[in-house]
Amino acid sequence: MNTVNEVKALVAQKGLTLTYLAKYLSEHTGKHCSINNLSNKLRSNTIRYSEMKLIAEALDMELVFREKS
C-alpha cells in the first residue's frame, strides 16, 4: 500500500477527512496547506517527516520505527 492510500485509510477509520488534515497542518505549521497540496505530497511521496508526525498527531496516533523481526 502506498502513502496516500495508507493515510486515506487511517483518516477514514478515524472518521476524518483530508480537508481536516490540511487545515490541521496549516494551523500547526503556520503555512497554508490546501487539500490539493496535501494530496499531491502524499501521491508523489514528497511529504516531510515533520508533516507525517503532525498527521499522526491529528489522527491521535504515533509514528514508530522498530527492528524487523
N, C-alpha and C. Protein backbone atom coordinates (compact mmCIF):
# COMPACT_ATOMS: atom_id res chain seq x y z
N MET A 1 0.86 -1.18 0.00
CA MET A 1 0.00 0.00 0.00
C MET A 1 0.90 1.24 0.00
N ASN A 2 0.56 2.25 -0.80
CA ASN A 2 1.38 3.45 -0.84
C ASN A 2 0.94 4.46 0.22
N THR A 3 1.71 5.53 0.35
CA THR A 3 1.48 6.51 1.40
C THR A 3 0.08 7.10 1.35
N VAL A 4 -0.35 7.52 0.18
CA VAL A 4 -1.66 8.17 0.06
C VAL A 4 -2.78 7.22 0.48
N ASN A 5 -2.71 5.97 0.07
CA ASN A 5 -3.76 5.01 0.44
C ASN A 5 -3.73 4.69 1.93
N GLU A 6 -2.54 4.59 2.50
CA GLU A 6 -2.44 4.32 3.94
C GLU A 6 -3.03 5.47 4.75
N VAL A 7 -2.66 6.70 4.39
CA VAL A 7 -3.18 7.85 5.12
C VAL A 7 -4.69 7.96 4.94
N LYS A 8 -5.18 7.79 3.72
CA LYS A 8 -6.63 7.86 3.48
C LYS A 8 -7.38 6.79 4.28
N ALA A 9 -6.82 5.60 4.37
CA ALA A 9 -7.46 4.53 5.14
C ALA A 9 -7.53 4.90 6.62
N LEU A 10 -6.44 5.43 7.15
CA LEU A 10 -6.42 5.83 8.56
C LEU A 10 -7.38 6.98 8.82
N VAL A 11 -7.42 7.93 7.91
CA VAL A 11 -8.34 9.07 8.04
C VAL A 11 -9.78 8.57 8.06
N ALA A 12 -10.11 7.65 7.17
CA ALA A 12 -11.47 7.10 7.12
C ALA A 12 -11.80 6.34 8.40
N GLN A 13 -10.84 5.57 8.92
CA GLN A 13 -11.07 4.82 10.16
C GLN A 13 -11.39 5.75 11.32
N LYS A 14 -10.76 6.93 11.32
CA LYS A 14 -10.97 7.90 12.40
C LYS A 14 -12.18 8.79 12.15
N GLY A 15 -12.82 8.62 10.99
CA GLY A 15 -13.99 9.44 10.67
C GLY A 15 -13.64 10.88 10.34
N LEU A 16 -12.44 11.11 9.83
CA LEU A 16 -11.99 12.45 9.48
C LEU A 16 -11.87 12.58 7.97
N THR A 17 -11.39 13.73 7.51
CA THR A 17 -11.22 13.96 6.08
C THR A 17 -9.83 14.52 5.81
N LEU A 18 -9.42 14.46 4.54
CA LEU A 18 -8.15 15.08 4.16
C LEU A 18 -8.22 16.60 4.32
N THR A 19 -9.42 17.16 4.17
CA THR A 19 -9.61 18.59 4.39
C THR A 19 -9.26 18.95 5.82
N TYR A 20 -9.71 18.12 6.77
CA TYR A 20 -9.37 18.33 8.18
C TYR A 20 -7.86 18.29 8.37
N LEU A 21 -7.20 17.30 7.75
CA LEU A 21 -5.74 17.20 7.89
C LEU A 21 -5.04 18.41 7.31
N ALA A 22 -5.49 18.89 6.16
CA ALA A 22 -4.89 20.07 5.54
C ALA A 22 -5.02 21.28 6.47
N LYS A 23 -6.19 21.47 7.06
CA LYS A 23 -6.40 22.57 8.00
C LYS A 23 -5.52 22.40 9.23
N TYR A 24 -5.43 21.18 9.73
CA TYR A 24 -4.60 20.89 10.91
C TYR A 24 -3.14 21.24 10.62
N LEU A 25 -2.65 20.81 9.46
CA LEU A 25 -1.27 21.12 9.08
C LEU A 25 -1.06 22.63 8.96
N SER A 26 -2.01 23.32 8.37
CA SER A 26 -1.91 24.78 8.23
C SER A 26 -1.82 25.45 9.59
N GLU A 27 -2.66 25.03 10.51
CA GLU A 27 -2.69 25.63 11.84
C GLU A 27 -1.41 25.35 12.63
N HIS A 28 -0.86 24.17 12.47
CA HIS A 28 0.29 23.79 13.28
C HIS A 28 1.65 24.10 12.66
N THR A 29 1.67 24.42 11.37
CA THR A 29 2.93 24.79 10.73
C THR A 29 3.01 26.28 10.46
N GLY A 30 1.86 26.95 10.46
CA GLY A 30 1.83 28.36 10.12
C GLY A 30 1.92 28.62 8.63
N LYS A 31 1.90 27.56 7.83
CA LYS A 31 1.95 27.67 6.37
C LYS A 31 0.65 27.12 5.81
N HIS A 32 0.15 27.78 4.76
CA HIS A 32 -1.09 27.31 4.14
C HIS A 32 -0.87 25.94 3.50
N CYS A 33 -1.76 25.02 3.78
CA CYS A 33 -1.70 23.68 3.19
C CYS A 33 -3.09 23.37 2.64
N SER A 34 -3.22 23.36 1.33
CA SER A 34 -4.51 23.06 0.72
C SER A 34 -4.68 21.55 0.59
N ILE A 35 -5.91 21.14 0.36
CA ILE A 35 -6.19 19.72 0.15
C ILE A 35 -5.43 19.21 -1.07
N ASN A 36 -5.35 20.02 -2.12
CA ASN A 36 -4.61 19.61 -3.32
C ASN A 36 -3.12 19.46 -3.03
N ASN A 37 -2.57 20.40 -2.27
CA ASN A 37 -1.16 20.33 -1.91
C ASN A 37 -0.88 19.07 -1.10
N LEU A 38 -1.71 18.79 -0.12
CA LEU A 38 -1.54 17.60 0.71
C LEU A 38 -1.66 16.34 -0.13
N SER A 39 -2.67 16.27 -0.97
CA SER A 39 -2.86 15.09 -1.83
C SER A 39 -1.67 14.88 -2.75
N ASN A 40 -1.16 15.97 -3.33
CA ASN A 40 0.00 15.85 -4.22
C ASN A 40 1.23 15.37 -3.48
N LYS A 41 1.45 15.88 -2.27
CA LYS A 41 2.60 15.44 -1.48
C LYS A 41 2.50 13.96 -1.13
N LEU A 42 1.31 13.51 -0.78
CA LEU A 42 1.12 12.10 -0.44
C LEU A 42 1.30 11.22 -1.67
N ARG A 43 0.72 11.64 -2.78
CA ARG A 43 0.77 10.86 -4.01
C ARG A 43 2.19 10.73 -4.55
N SER A 44 2.96 11.81 -4.46
CA SER A 44 4.31 11.81 -5.02
C SER A 44 5.39 11.44 -4.00
N ASN A 45 4.95 11.10 -2.78
CA ASN A 45 5.87 10.74 -1.70
C ASN A 45 6.90 11.82 -1.41
N THR A 46 6.45 13.08 -1.42
CA THR A 46 7.33 14.20 -1.11
C THR A 46 6.96 14.86 0.22
N ILE A 47 6.13 14.20 0.99
CA ILE A 47 5.72 14.76 2.27
C ILE A 47 6.87 14.63 3.26
N ARG A 48 7.04 15.62 4.08
CA ARG A 48 8.14 15.64 5.04
C ARG A 48 7.80 14.82 6.28
N TYR A 49 8.86 14.37 6.93
CA TYR A 49 8.68 13.60 8.16
C TYR A 49 7.93 14.44 9.19
N SER A 50 8.27 15.72 9.30
CA SER A 50 7.59 16.59 10.27
C SER A 50 6.10 16.69 9.97
N GLU A 51 5.73 16.69 8.69
CA GLU A 51 4.32 16.73 8.32
C GLU A 51 3.64 15.40 8.66
N MET A 52 4.34 14.30 8.46
CA MET A 52 3.78 12.99 8.81
C MET A 52 3.58 12.89 10.32
N LYS A 53 4.50 13.47 11.10
CA LYS A 53 4.33 13.47 12.55
C LYS A 53 3.08 14.24 12.94
N LEU A 54 2.83 15.37 12.29
CA LEU A 54 1.62 16.14 12.57
C LEU A 54 0.36 15.40 12.14
N ILE A 55 0.43 14.69 11.03
CA ILE A 55 -0.72 13.89 10.59
C ILE A 55 -1.00 12.81 11.62
N ALA A 56 0.04 12.16 12.10
CA ALA A 56 -0.14 11.13 13.13
C ALA A 56 -0.77 11.75 14.38
N GLU A 57 -0.30 12.92 14.76
CA GLU A 57 -0.85 13.62 15.93
C GLU A 57 -2.33 13.94 15.71
N ALA A 58 -2.68 14.41 14.53
CA ALA A 58 -4.07 14.74 14.21
C ALA A 58 -4.96 13.51 14.28
N LEU A 59 -4.38 12.34 13.96
CA LEU A 59 -5.13 11.09 13.99
C LEU A 59 -5.05 10.40 15.35
N ASP A 60 -4.44 11.08 16.33
CA ASP A 60 -4.24 10.52 17.67
C ASP A 60 -3.46 9.21 17.58
N MET A 61 -2.39 9.26 16.79
CA MET A 61 -1.52 8.10 16.58
C MET A 61 -0.08 8.57 16.74
N GLU A 62 0.85 7.63 16.63
CA GLU A 62 2.26 7.99 16.65
C GLU A 62 3.00 7.19 15.58
N LEU A 63 4.08 7.78 15.09
CA LEU A 63 4.94 7.08 14.15
C LEU A 63 5.93 6.25 14.95
N VAL A 64 6.15 5.02 14.54
CA VAL A 64 7.04 4.14 15.28
C VAL A 64 8.00 3.47 14.31
N PHE A 65 9.27 3.51 14.65
CA PHE A 65 10.28 2.76 13.91
C PHE A 65 10.71 1.62 14.80
N ARG A 66 10.75 0.42 14.25
CA ARG A 66 11.15 -0.72 15.06
C ARG A 66 11.94 -1.69 14.19
N GLU A 67 12.71 -2.51 14.84
CA GLU A 67 13.50 -3.52 14.16
C GLU A 67 12.59 -4.53 13.49
N LYS A 68 13.00 -5.00 12.33
CA LYS A 68 12.25 -6.08 11.68
C LYS A 68 12.48 -7.36 12.47
N SER A 69 11.47 -8.19 12.49
CA SER A 69 11.62 -9.44 13.23
C SER A 69 11.97 -10.58 12.32
